[in-house]
C-alpha cells in the first residue's frame, strides 16, 4: 500500500490542479477525450516499465534498464537525464506551490519574497532528507491520501452543481477549420496532459528500499495508472461542467470552479488540498532524485564515488546538495517551461527503456519475475510510436535545453574519473543471468 501511495504521490501533483485551464483552452470539453487517449498511450509505456521492473531489483529505473541493455554510456546518459527530470519536477512543484500561494498571499508577487520562498522550500526538503528520511513514508502516505480525498470530494460535491450549458462548445471553433488546426490543438493539449502522468517513471528508482520490488512494482504501476486516469477524467468533466468557458482563464482552475459552485469554503478547501498535494510531490521528488544520482555512483561506478556518499542517517548528502543547487536554478523559470522540460526528459528516458523491453523479449537475457507483457512486441512498438510523436510538440527552447544537457553529459563522461571495475566484479553474475535466460528460453 505504501508503494501504491508513493506512485499516486508521484503522478498526481500540481498538473492535476493547475493545468485543466491550459488543457481546456486548447480542446474545450473534448479535452476529456484527449486525456483518455493520452492515458491509454502513457499506460503502454508504463506497461513497458512494469515488464522491466519485474526483471531487476536494483535502484535507478530507466538508466539501470538501459545500462543492462545497451551498455555503460547509454546508461550514464539516461541516468543524467533522469536526474535532470527529477530536478525539473522538483522545481516545477515548487513554482506551482508558490503560484498557488500567490492567489491568497500577495506578498509572493514580489520577486524577492518569491525567491526567498523557493530557496526556503528547497532548503527545507534538503534538511528533511539529511536528517529525517524516516519521515518519507509517513509524508508520502498522508499526502497521497489527502490528494485522493480532495479530488473525490471535488468530484462528488461538484457533480450536483454542474450546468449542462457549460459543456458547449465541445470542440473550439478554431480547431474545426481543418485537419491541421485540429492536430495543432490536439498536440497543444497532449503535452500538458502527458505531464499529468509522467511521475510513474519515478516509482522504480528507489526499488532497493522496497519489499519484493520485482513483484510489487508492476502491480502498483498498473493500479496507479488506472486510478489516476479515472480521477483525472472525472475531475475534468466536473471542472468544465462547473465553470464552462471561464475555466480557461483561471490560474487555480479547480479551486475557482468549486468556489463558483459553493462559495469561498469550496475555494479554500481545494487550495488546502492543492498545497498538501503539491508539497507531497515535491517532497517525493526531493527524496528520489538524490537517490538516483547516488545509485549511479554506488551501484555501477558511473560517477565519482564521493557523489554516492551517505551520512549516518543513510542519506546521500552529496546527491542532496547537487540536486538542491540545480533545482534552485530551475525554480527561476516559468511553470509551463518546466512542464515542457519534464516531458522532454521523460521522452529521452522512455525510448531506450522501450527498446530495452524489445531486446530482452528477444534474447530473454533477464527473465521476468511474475509479470510479462502480452502481445510480445506489440505494446513496445505502440509505446515507441507514441514517444516519437511527443517530439513534434516541443518548442525550440525546450529542445535546445535537452541538447545542451545531452552534450554536456557526454563531454563530462570522458573526463570524470569513475570506477570501471563494476563490469569485472560482476561479469560472473551477468554470465549466470544470461545462462538462466537461455535455459528458460
Protein backbone atom coordinates (compact mmCIF):
# COMPACT_ATOMS: atom_id res chain seq x y z
CA UNK A 1 0.00 0.00 0.00
CA UNK A 2 2.89 2.37 0.75
CA UNK A 3 4.33 1.71 -2.73
CA UNK A 4 0.89 2.47 -4.20
CA UNK A 5 0.73 5.77 -2.30
CA UNK A 6 4.28 6.56 -3.46
CA UNK A 7 3.10 6.06 -7.04
CA UNK A 8 -0.02 8.19 -6.52
CA UNK A 9 2.14 10.90 -4.98
CA UNK A 10 4.49 10.83 -7.94
CA UNK A 11 1.72 11.08 -10.55
CA UNK A 12 -0.98 13.31 -9.03
CA UNK A 13 0.71 16.64 -8.47
CA UNK A 14 0.49 20.28 -9.45
CA UNK A 15 -0.56 19.50 -13.02
CA UNK A 16 -3.83 17.94 -11.88
CA UNK A 17 -4.78 21.16 -10.09
CA UNK A 18 -3.24 23.84 -12.34
CA UNK A 19 -3.27 22.52 -15.93
CA UNK A 20 -7.04 21.96 -16.57
CA UNK A 21 -7.32 25.62 -17.61
CA UNK A 22 -4.49 25.24 -20.16
CA UNK A 23 -5.96 21.97 -21.46
CA UNK A 24 -9.46 23.48 -21.74
CA UNK A 25 -8.21 26.47 -23.77
CA UNK A 26 -6.93 24.07 -26.43
CA UNK A 27 -9.71 21.46 -26.64
CA UNK A 28 -12.71 22.55 -24.50
CA UNK A 29 -14.82 19.55 -23.39
CA UNK A 30 -13.11 17.27 -25.92
CA UNK A 31 -10.04 17.61 -23.67
CA UNK A 32 -11.57 14.68 -21.74
CA UNK A 33 -11.26 12.51 -24.86
CA UNK A 34 -7.66 13.71 -25.36
CA UNK A 35 -6.98 12.87 -21.71
CA UNK A 36 -8.29 9.31 -22.10
CA UNK A 37 -6.31 8.88 -25.32
CA UNK A 38 -3.17 10.13 -23.59
CA UNK A 39 -3.79 7.85 -20.60
CA UNK A 40 -4.00 4.80 -22.88
CA UNK A 41 -0.79 5.72 -24.68
CA UNK A 42 1.12 6.50 -21.47
CA UNK A 43 -0.14 3.25 -19.98
CA UNK A 44 1.62 1.38 -22.79
CA UNK A 45 4.89 2.98 -21.70
CA UNK A 46 4.05 2.21 -18.07
CA UNK A 47 3.49 -1.45 -19.02
CA UNK A 48 7.00 -1.49 -20.51
CA UNK A 49 8.31 -0.20 -17.17
CA UNK A 50 6.29 -2.87 -15.38
CA UNK A 51 7.97 -5.50 -17.55
CA UNK A 52 11.44 -4.07 -16.85
CA UNK A 53 10.87 -3.63 -13.12
CA UNK A 54 9.95 -7.32 -12.98
CA UNK A 55 13.42 -8.16 -14.34
CA UNK A 56 15.57 -6.05 -11.97
CA UNK A 57 15.58 -5.32 -8.23
CA UNK A 58 18.24 -2.57 -8.25
CA UNK A 59 17.57 1.16 -7.85
CA UNK A 60 17.76 3.52 -10.81
CA UNK A 61 14.84 2.62 -13.15
CA UNK A 62 15.42 3.89 -16.73
CA UNK A 63 19.19 4.24 -16.52
CA UNK A 64 19.56 0.79 -14.93
CA UNK A 65 17.48 -0.86 -17.66
CA UNK A 66 19.40 0.93 -20.44
CA UNK A 67 22.72 0.10 -18.81
CA UNK A 68 22.00 -3.64 -18.95
CA UNK A 69 20.52 -3.41 -22.45
CA UNK A 70 22.87 -1.06 -24.29
CA UNK A 71 25.97 -0.59 -22.18
CA UNK A 72 27.66 1.86 -19.89
CA UNK A 73 27.48 5.09 -21.91
CA UNK A 74 23.75 4.77 -22.67
CA UNK A 75 23.05 4.02 -19.01
CA UNK A 76 25.11 7.03 -17.97
CA UNK A 77 23.31 9.41 -20.35
CA UNK A 78 19.93 8.11 -19.22
CA UNK A 79 20.96 8.48 -15.59
CA UNK A 80 21.89 12.13 -16.10
CA UNK A 81 18.64 12.81 -17.95
CA UNK A 82 16.57 11.08 -15.26
CA UNK A 83 18.33 13.19 -12.64
CA UNK A 84 17.59 16.27 -14.79
CA UNK A 85 13.95 15.12 -14.93
CA UNK A 86 13.84 14.87 -11.13
CA UNK A 87 15.28 18.36 -10.69
CA UNK A 88 12.77 19.78 -13.21
CA UNK A 89 9.91 18.03 -11.41
CA UNK A 90 11.03 19.36 -8.01
CA UNK A 91 11.37 22.90 -9.41
CA UNK A 92 8.00 22.72 -11.20
CA UNK A 93 6.24 21.65 -8.00
CA UNK A 94 7.91 24.45 -6.01
CA UNK A 95 6.89 27.01 -8.65
CA UNK A 96 3.35 25.57 -8.58
CA UNK A 97 3.27 25.78 -4.79
CA UNK A 98 4.28 29.45 -4.85
CA UNK A 99 1.82 30.16 -7.69
CA UNK A 100 -0.95 28.71 -5.52
CA UNK A 101 0.16 30.80 -2.54
CA UNK A 102 0.09 33.94 -4.72
CA UNK A 103 -3.68 33.53 -5.11
CA UNK A 104 -4.27 34.47 -1.46
CA UNK A 105 -0.86 35.78 -0.25
CA UNK A 106 0.01 38.76 -2.49
CA UNK A 107 3.46 39.07 -0.86
CA UNK A 108 4.69 36.30 -3.17
CA UNK A 109 4.07 38.56 -6.17
CA UNK A 110 7.22 40.38 -5.02
CA UNK A 111 10.24 38.79 -6.80
CA UNK A 112 12.37 38.92 -3.64
CA UNK A 113 9.75 37.19 -1.48
CA UNK A 114 9.16 34.66 -4.27
CA UNK A 115 12.89 33.88 -4.49
CA UNK A 116 13.21 33.52 -0.72
CA UNK A 117 10.17 31.22 -0.68
CA UNK A 118 11.59 29.00 -3.46
CA UNK A 119 15.04 28.79 -1.86
CA UNK A 120 13.50 28.19 1.59
CA UNK A 121 11.40 25.27 0.34
CA UNK A 122 14.38 23.63 -1.38
CA UNK A 123 16.43 24.07 1.80
CA UNK A 124 13.60 22.59 3.90
CA UNK A 125 13.38 19.48 1.71
CA UNK A 126 17.16 19.09 1.82
CA UNK A 127 17.21 19.27 5.63
CA UNK A 128 14.42 16.72 5.95
CA UNK A 129 16.29 14.37 3.64
CA UNK A 130 19.53 14.94 5.57
CA UNK A 131 18.12 14.10 8.98
CA UNK A 132 14.62 12.72 8.69
CA UNK A 133 14.37 10.27 5.83
CA UNK A 134 12.33 8.07 8.14
CA UNK A 135 9.53 10.63 7.62
CA UNK A 136 9.37 9.92 3.88
CA UNK A 137 6.93 7.03 4.13
CA UNK A 138 4.64 8.93 6.53
CA UNK A 139 4.63 12.16 4.49
CA UNK A 140 4.04 10.23 1.25
CA UNK A 141 1.09 8.31 2.67
CA UNK A 142 -0.54 11.41 4.20
CA UNK A 143 -0.03 13.49 1.05
CA UNK A 144 -1.34 10.76 -1.28
CA UNK A 145 -4.41 10.16 0.87
CA UNK A 146 -5.07 13.93 1.06
CA UNK A 147 -4.92 14.47 -2.70
CA UNK A 148 -7.15 11.46 -3.45
CA UNK A 149 -9.66 12.72 -0.87
CA UNK A 150 -9.52 16.27 -2.30
CA UNK A 151 -10.23 15.07 -5.83
CA UNK A 152 -13.02 12.72 -4.73
CA UNK A 153 -14.75 15.49 -2.73
CA UNK A 154 -14.35 17.90 -5.68
CA UNK A 155 -15.99 15.34 -7.99
CA UNK A 156 -18.76 14.21 -5.60
CA UNK A 157 -19.74 17.73 -4.48
CA UNK A 158 -19.21 19.38 -7.86
CA UNK A 159 -21.39 16.93 -9.78
CA UNK A 160 -24.50 18.37 -8.07
CA UNK A 161 -23.73 21.89 -9.37
CA UNK A 162 -22.93 21.07 -12.99
CA UNK A 163 -24.65 23.20 -15.66
CA UNK A 164 -25.15 21.27 -18.90
CA UNK A 165 -24.85 24.50 -20.89
CA UNK A 166 -21.18 24.67 -19.83
CA UNK A 167 -20.43 21.55 -21.89
CA UNK A 168 -20.82 23.59 -25.07
CA UNK A 169 -18.83 24.05 -27.24
CA UNK A 170 -17.41 20.54 -27.25
CA UNK A 171 -14.53 21.48 -29.58
CA UNK A 172 -13.09 25.03 -30.04
CA UNK A 173 -14.20 26.74 -33.23
CA UNK A 174 -10.58 27.36 -34.19
CA UNK A 175 -9.90 23.63 -34.16
CA UNK A 176 -12.80 22.89 -36.57
CA UNK A 177 -11.38 24.84 -39.52
CA UNK A 178 -9.49 21.85 -40.90
CA UNK A 179 -7.31 18.87 -40.05
CA UNK A 180 -4.13 20.85 -39.40
CA UNK A 181 -5.65 23.29 -36.84
CA UNK A 182 -7.29 20.33 -35.09
CA UNK A 183 -3.98 18.44 -34.95
CA UNK A 184 -2.28 21.57 -33.63
CA UNK A 185 -4.85 21.97 -30.85
CA UNK A 186 -4.67 18.24 -30.08
CA UNK A 187 -0.87 18.39 -29.81
CA UNK A 188 -1.00 21.53 -27.66
CA UNK A 189 -3.29 19.73 -25.20
CA UNK A 190 -1.39 16.44 -25.43
CA UNK A 191 1.84 17.78 -23.86
CA UNK A 192 0.34 19.19 -20.62
CA UNK A 193 -1.95 16.15 -20.30
CA UNK A 194 1.06 13.89 -20.76
CA UNK A 195 2.67 15.74 -17.83
CA UNK A 196 -0.24 14.61 -15.63
CA UNK A 197 1.05 11.01 -15.92
CA UNK A 198 4.85 11.30 -16.16
CA UNK A 199 5.53 10.65 -12.47
CA UNK A 200 5.04 6.88 -12.81
CA UNK A 201 8.65 6.52 -14.04
CA UNK A 202 9.98 7.57 -10.62
CA UNK A 203 8.40 4.60 -8.85
CA UNK A 204 11.16 2.04 -9.59
CA UNK A 205 14.02 4.48 -8.82
CA UNK A 206 14.24 3.54 -5.14
CA UNK A 207 13.47 -0.16 -5.74
CA UNK A 208 16.13 -1.38 -3.30
CA UNK A 209 14.26 0.28 -0.44
CA UNK A 210 11.06 -1.68 -1.19
CA UNK A 211 9.90 -5.18 -0.29
CA UNK A 212 9.87 -7.59 -3.27
CA UNK A 213 10.09 -4.76 -5.87
CA UNK A 214 10.15 -7.18 -8.83
CA UNK A 215 6.65 -8.38 -7.85
CA UNK A 216 5.11 -5.27 -6.23
CA UNK A 217 6.20 -2.52 -8.64
CA UNK A 218 4.48 -3.98 -11.76
CA UNK A 219 1.21 -4.42 -9.85
CA UNK A 220 1.38 -0.92 -8.40
CA UNK A 221 2.22 0.71 -11.75
CA UNK A 222 -0.95 -0.72 -13.30
CA UNK A 223 -3.10 0.18 -10.26
CA UNK A 224 -1.75 3.75 -10.18
CA UNK A 225 -2.37 4.36 -13.90
CA UNK A 226 -5.95 3.08 -13.69
CA UNK A 227 -6.69 5.13 -10.55
CA UNK A 228 -5.22 8.36 -11.92
CA UNK A 229 -6.98 8.02 -15.29
CA UNK A 230 -10.39 7.62 -13.65
CA UNK A 231 -9.84 10.51 -11.22
CA UNK A 232 -8.45 12.90 -13.86
CA UNK A 233 -11.21 12.19 -16.39
CA UNK A 234 -13.97 12.73 -13.82
CA UNK A 235 -12.19 15.82 -12.48
CA UNK A 236 -12.01 17.38 -15.95
CA UNK A 237 -15.69 16.68 -16.70
CA UNK A 238 -16.82 18.24 -13.39
CA UNK A 239 -14.49 21.25 -13.78
CA UNK A 240 -15.86 22.01 -17.25
CA UNK A 241 -19.42 21.48 -16.00
CA UNK A 242 -18.90 23.94 -13.13
CA UNK A 243 -17.01 26.75 -14.87
CA UNK A 244 -17.53 26.35 -18.63
CA UNK A 245 -15.61 28.88 -20.72
CA UNK A 246 -14.44 30.66 -17.53
CA UNK A 247 -12.22 27.65 -16.76
CA UNK A 248 -9.63 28.71 -19.33
CA UNK A 249 -8.97 31.98 -17.52
CA UNK A 250 -8.26 30.66 -14.01
CA UNK A 251 -4.76 30.24 -12.54
CA UNK A 252 -6.16 27.81 -9.94
CA UNK A 253 -8.96 26.23 -12.02
CA UNK A 254 -10.29 23.53 -9.65
CA UNK A 255 -10.39 25.88 -6.67
CA UNK A 256 -12.12 28.62 -8.67
CA UNK A 257 -14.58 26.14 -10.21
CA UNK A 258 -15.69 24.77 -6.84
CA UNK A 259 -15.72 28.32 -5.48
CA UNK A 260 -18.27 29.24 -8.15
CA UNK A 261 -20.45 26.33 -7.03
CA UNK A 262 -20.44 26.55 -3.22
CA UNK A 263 -18.59 29.75 -2.38
CA UNK A 264 -15.34 30.63 -0.61
CA UNK A 265 -15.32 27.48 1.53
CA UNK A 266 -15.09 25.33 -1.59
CA UNK A 267 -12.26 27.51 -2.88
CA UNK A 268 -10.40 27.29 0.45
CA UNK A 269 -10.82 23.52 0.67
CA UNK A 270 -9.32 22.90 -2.79
CA UNK A 271 -6.47 25.34 -2.13
CA UNK A 272 -5.60 23.46 1.07
CA UNK A 273 -5.75 20.12 -0.75
CA UNK A 274 -3.58 21.54 -3.53
CA UNK A 275 -0.93 22.74 -1.10
CA UNK A 276 -0.76 19.35 0.63
CA UNK A 277 -0.69 17.55 -2.73
CA UNK A 278 1.99 19.71 -4.33
CA UNK A 279 4.11 19.63 -1.17
CA UNK A 280 3.92 15.84 -1.22
CA UNK A 281 5.06 15.54 -4.84
CA UNK A 282 7.91 18.00 -4.28
CA UNK A 283 8.94 16.07 -1.17
CA UNK A 284 8.81 12.79 -3.08
CA UNK A 285 10.97 14.24 -5.88
CA UNK A 286 13.45 15.64 -3.35
CA UNK A 287 13.80 12.10 -1.94
CA UNK A 288 14.02 10.11 -5.18
CA UNK A 289 16.27 12.41 -7.20
CA UNK A 290 19.35 12.35 -4.89
CA UNK A 291 18.89 8.57 -4.50
CA UNK A 292 19.12 8.25 -8.28
CA UNK A 293 22.42 10.06 -8.69
CA UNK A 294 23.85 8.26 -5.64
CA UNK A 295 22.88 4.88 -7.12
CA UNK A 296 24.82 5.75 -10.30
CA UNK A 297 27.94 6.29 -8.18
CA UNK A 298 27.47 3.41 -5.72
CA UNK A 299 25.95 0.55 -7.70
CA UNK A 300 27.75 0.87 -11.03
CA UNK A 301 30.58 3.34 -10.54
CA UNK A 302 29.35 5.66 -13.31
CA UNK A 303 30.09 8.77 -11.26
CA UNK A 304 32.88 9.55 -8.79
CA UNK A 305 32.47 7.68 -5.51
CA UNK A 306 32.12 10.85 -3.41
CA UNK A 307 28.77 11.61 -5.14
CA UNK A 308 27.34 8.44 -3.58
CA UNK A 309 28.49 9.24 -0.04
CA UNK A 310 25.90 8.83 2.69
CA UNK A 311 25.69 10.16 6.25
CA UNK A 312 24.80 8.23 9.40
CA UNK A 313 21.10 8.63 8.56
CA UNK A 314 21.69 6.74 5.26
CA UNK A 315 21.04 9.95 3.31
CA UNK A 316 23.08 10.59 0.11
CA UNK A 317 24.18 14.02 1.28
CA UNK A 318 26.28 14.93 -1.77
CA UNK A 319 23.41 13.99 -4.09
CA UNK A 320 21.03 16.10 -1.96
CA UNK A 321 23.30 19.15 -2.27
CA UNK A 322 23.75 18.77 -6.05
CA UNK A 323 20.01 18.26 -6.56
CA UNK A 324 19.19 21.32 -4.45
CA UNK A 325 21.58 23.55 -6.41
CA UNK A 326 20.25 22.56 -9.84
CA UNK A 327 16.62 22.71 -8.65
CA UNK A 328 17.17 26.21 -7.25
CA UNK A 329 18.40 27.36 -10.68
CA UNK A 330 15.39 25.84 -12.46
CA UNK A 331 12.97 27.37 -9.94
CA UNK A 332 13.60 30.76 -11.59
CA UNK A 333 11.82 29.57 -14.77
CA UNK A 334 8.11 29.57 -15.62
CA UNK A 335 5.86 26.66 -14.70
CA UNK A 336 4.86 25.79 -18.29
CA UNK A 337 8.51 25.79 -19.41
CA UNK A 338 9.40 23.38 -16.59
CA UNK A 339 6.45 21.19 -17.59
CA UNK A 340 7.79 21.09 -21.14
CA UNK A 341 11.33 20.23 -19.94
CA UNK A 342 9.90 17.45 -17.76
CA UNK A 343 8.03 15.91 -20.69
CA UNK A 344 11.16 16.16 -22.87
CA UNK A 345 13.32 14.43 -20.24
CA UNK A 346 10.61 11.78 -19.91
CA UNK A 347 10.73 11.20 -23.67
CA UNK A 348 14.52 10.77 -23.57
CA UNK A 349 14.30 8.04 -20.91
CA UNK A 350 11.22 6.32 -22.37
CA UNK A 351 12.68 5.48 -25.79
CA UNK A 352 15.75 3.47 -24.61
CA UNK A 353 13.63 1.79 -21.93
CA UNK A 354 11.08 0.65 -24.53
CA UNK A 355 13.87 -0.59 -26.79
CA UNK A 356 15.31 -2.47 -23.80
CA UNK A 357 12.00 -4.34 -23.46
CA UNK A 358 12.22 -5.36 -27.13
CA UNK A 359 15.82 -6.56 -26.70
CA UNK A 360 15.13 -8.55 -23.52
CA UNK A 361 11.97 -10.02 -25.04
CA UNK A 362 14.03 -11.22 -27.98
CA UNK A 363 17.05 -12.54 -26.02
CA UNK A 364 15.33 -13.44 -22.71
CA UNK A 365 18.60 -12.27 -21.17
CA UNK A 366 16.98 -11.08 -17.93
CA UNK A 367 13.89 -13.19 -17.17
CA UNK A 368 10.80 -11.58 -15.67
CA UNK A 369 9.57 -12.46 -12.19
CA UNK A 370 5.83 -12.82 -12.46
CA UNK A 371 4.92 -10.09 -14.98
CA UNK A 372 5.12 -10.47 -18.75
CA UNK A 373 3.79 -8.17 -21.46
CA UNK A 374 1.02 -9.63 -23.60
CA UNK A 375 1.37 -9.46 -27.37
CA UNK A 376 5.17 -9.84 -27.38
CA UNK A 377 6.40 -6.78 -29.37
CA UNK A 378 3.04 -5.06 -29.99
CA UNK A 379 2.89 -2.87 -26.85
CA UNK A 380 6.55 -1.74 -27.03
CA UNK A 381 6.16 -0.76 -30.70
CA UNK A 382 2.99 1.25 -30.00
CA UNK A 383 4.68 2.87 -26.98
CA UNK A 384 7.65 3.80 -29.18
CA UNK A 385 5.39 5.46 -31.78
CA UNK A 386 3.69 7.50 -29.04
CA UNK A 387 7.03 8.58 -27.61
CA UNK A 388 8.23 9.73 -31.03
CA UNK A 389 5.02 11.72 -31.54
CA UNK A 390 5.89 13.74 -28.44
CA UNK A 391 8.88 15.29 -30.25
CA UNK A 392 6.55 17.21 -32.58
CA UNK A 393 5.08 19.15 -29.65
CA UNK A 394 8.28 20.58 -28.13
CA UNK A 395 9.35 24.21 -28.53
CA UNK A 396 12.79 25.17 -29.88
CA UNK A 397 13.82 26.43 -26.42
CA UNK A 398 12.96 23.11 -24.78
CA UNK A 399 14.81 21.12 -27.45
CA UNK A 400 17.83 23.39 -27.01
CA UNK A 401 17.92 22.74 -23.26
CA UNK A 402 17.72 18.99 -23.87
CA UNK A 403 20.53 19.14 -26.44
CA UNK A 404 22.76 21.12 -24.07
CA UNK A 405 22.17 18.58 -21.26
CA UNK A 406 22.98 15.65 -23.59
CA UNK A 407 26.17 17.24 -24.96
CA UNK A 408 27.38 18.40 -21.53
CA UNK A 409 26.79 14.93 -20.05
CA UNK A 410 28.55 13.23 -22.98
CA UNK A 411 31.54 15.57 -22.66
CA UNK A 412 31.81 15.00 -18.92
CA UNK A 413 31.65 11.22 -19.39
CA UNK A 414 35.13 11.13 -20.91
CA UNK A 415 36.72 13.33 -18.23
CA UNK A 416 35.06 12.19 -14.99
CA UNK A 417 37.17 9.66 -13.14
CA UNK A 418 34.86 6.73 -12.37
CA UNK A 419 35.08 3.21 -11.00
CA UNK A 420 35.05 0.93 -14.07
CA UNK A 421 35.70 -2.23 -12.10
CA UNK A 422 31.96 -2.97 -11.83
CA UNK A 423 31.91 -4.98 -15.05
CA UNK A 424 34.87 -7.07 -13.93
CA UNK A 425 33.49 -7.73 -10.43
CA UNK A 426 30.07 -8.66 -11.76
CA UNK A 427 30.93 -10.40 -15.03
CA UNK A 428 30.34 -13.83 -13.49
CA UNK A 429 26.95 -12.72 -12.14
CA UNK A 430 25.96 -11.36 -15.57
CA UNK A 431 27.06 -14.59 -17.27
CA UNK A 432 24.92 -16.63 -14.87
CA UNK A 433 21.89 -14.44 -15.60
CA UNK A 434 22.34 -14.85 -19.35
CA UNK A 435 22.68 -18.60 -18.94
CA UNK A 436 19.48 -18.70 -16.86
CA UNK A 437 17.67 -16.74 -19.57
CA UNK A 438 18.83 -19.07 -22.33
CA UNK A 439 17.70 -22.11 -20.35
CA UNK A 440 14.24 -20.60 -19.82
CA UNK A 441 14.00 -19.67 -23.48
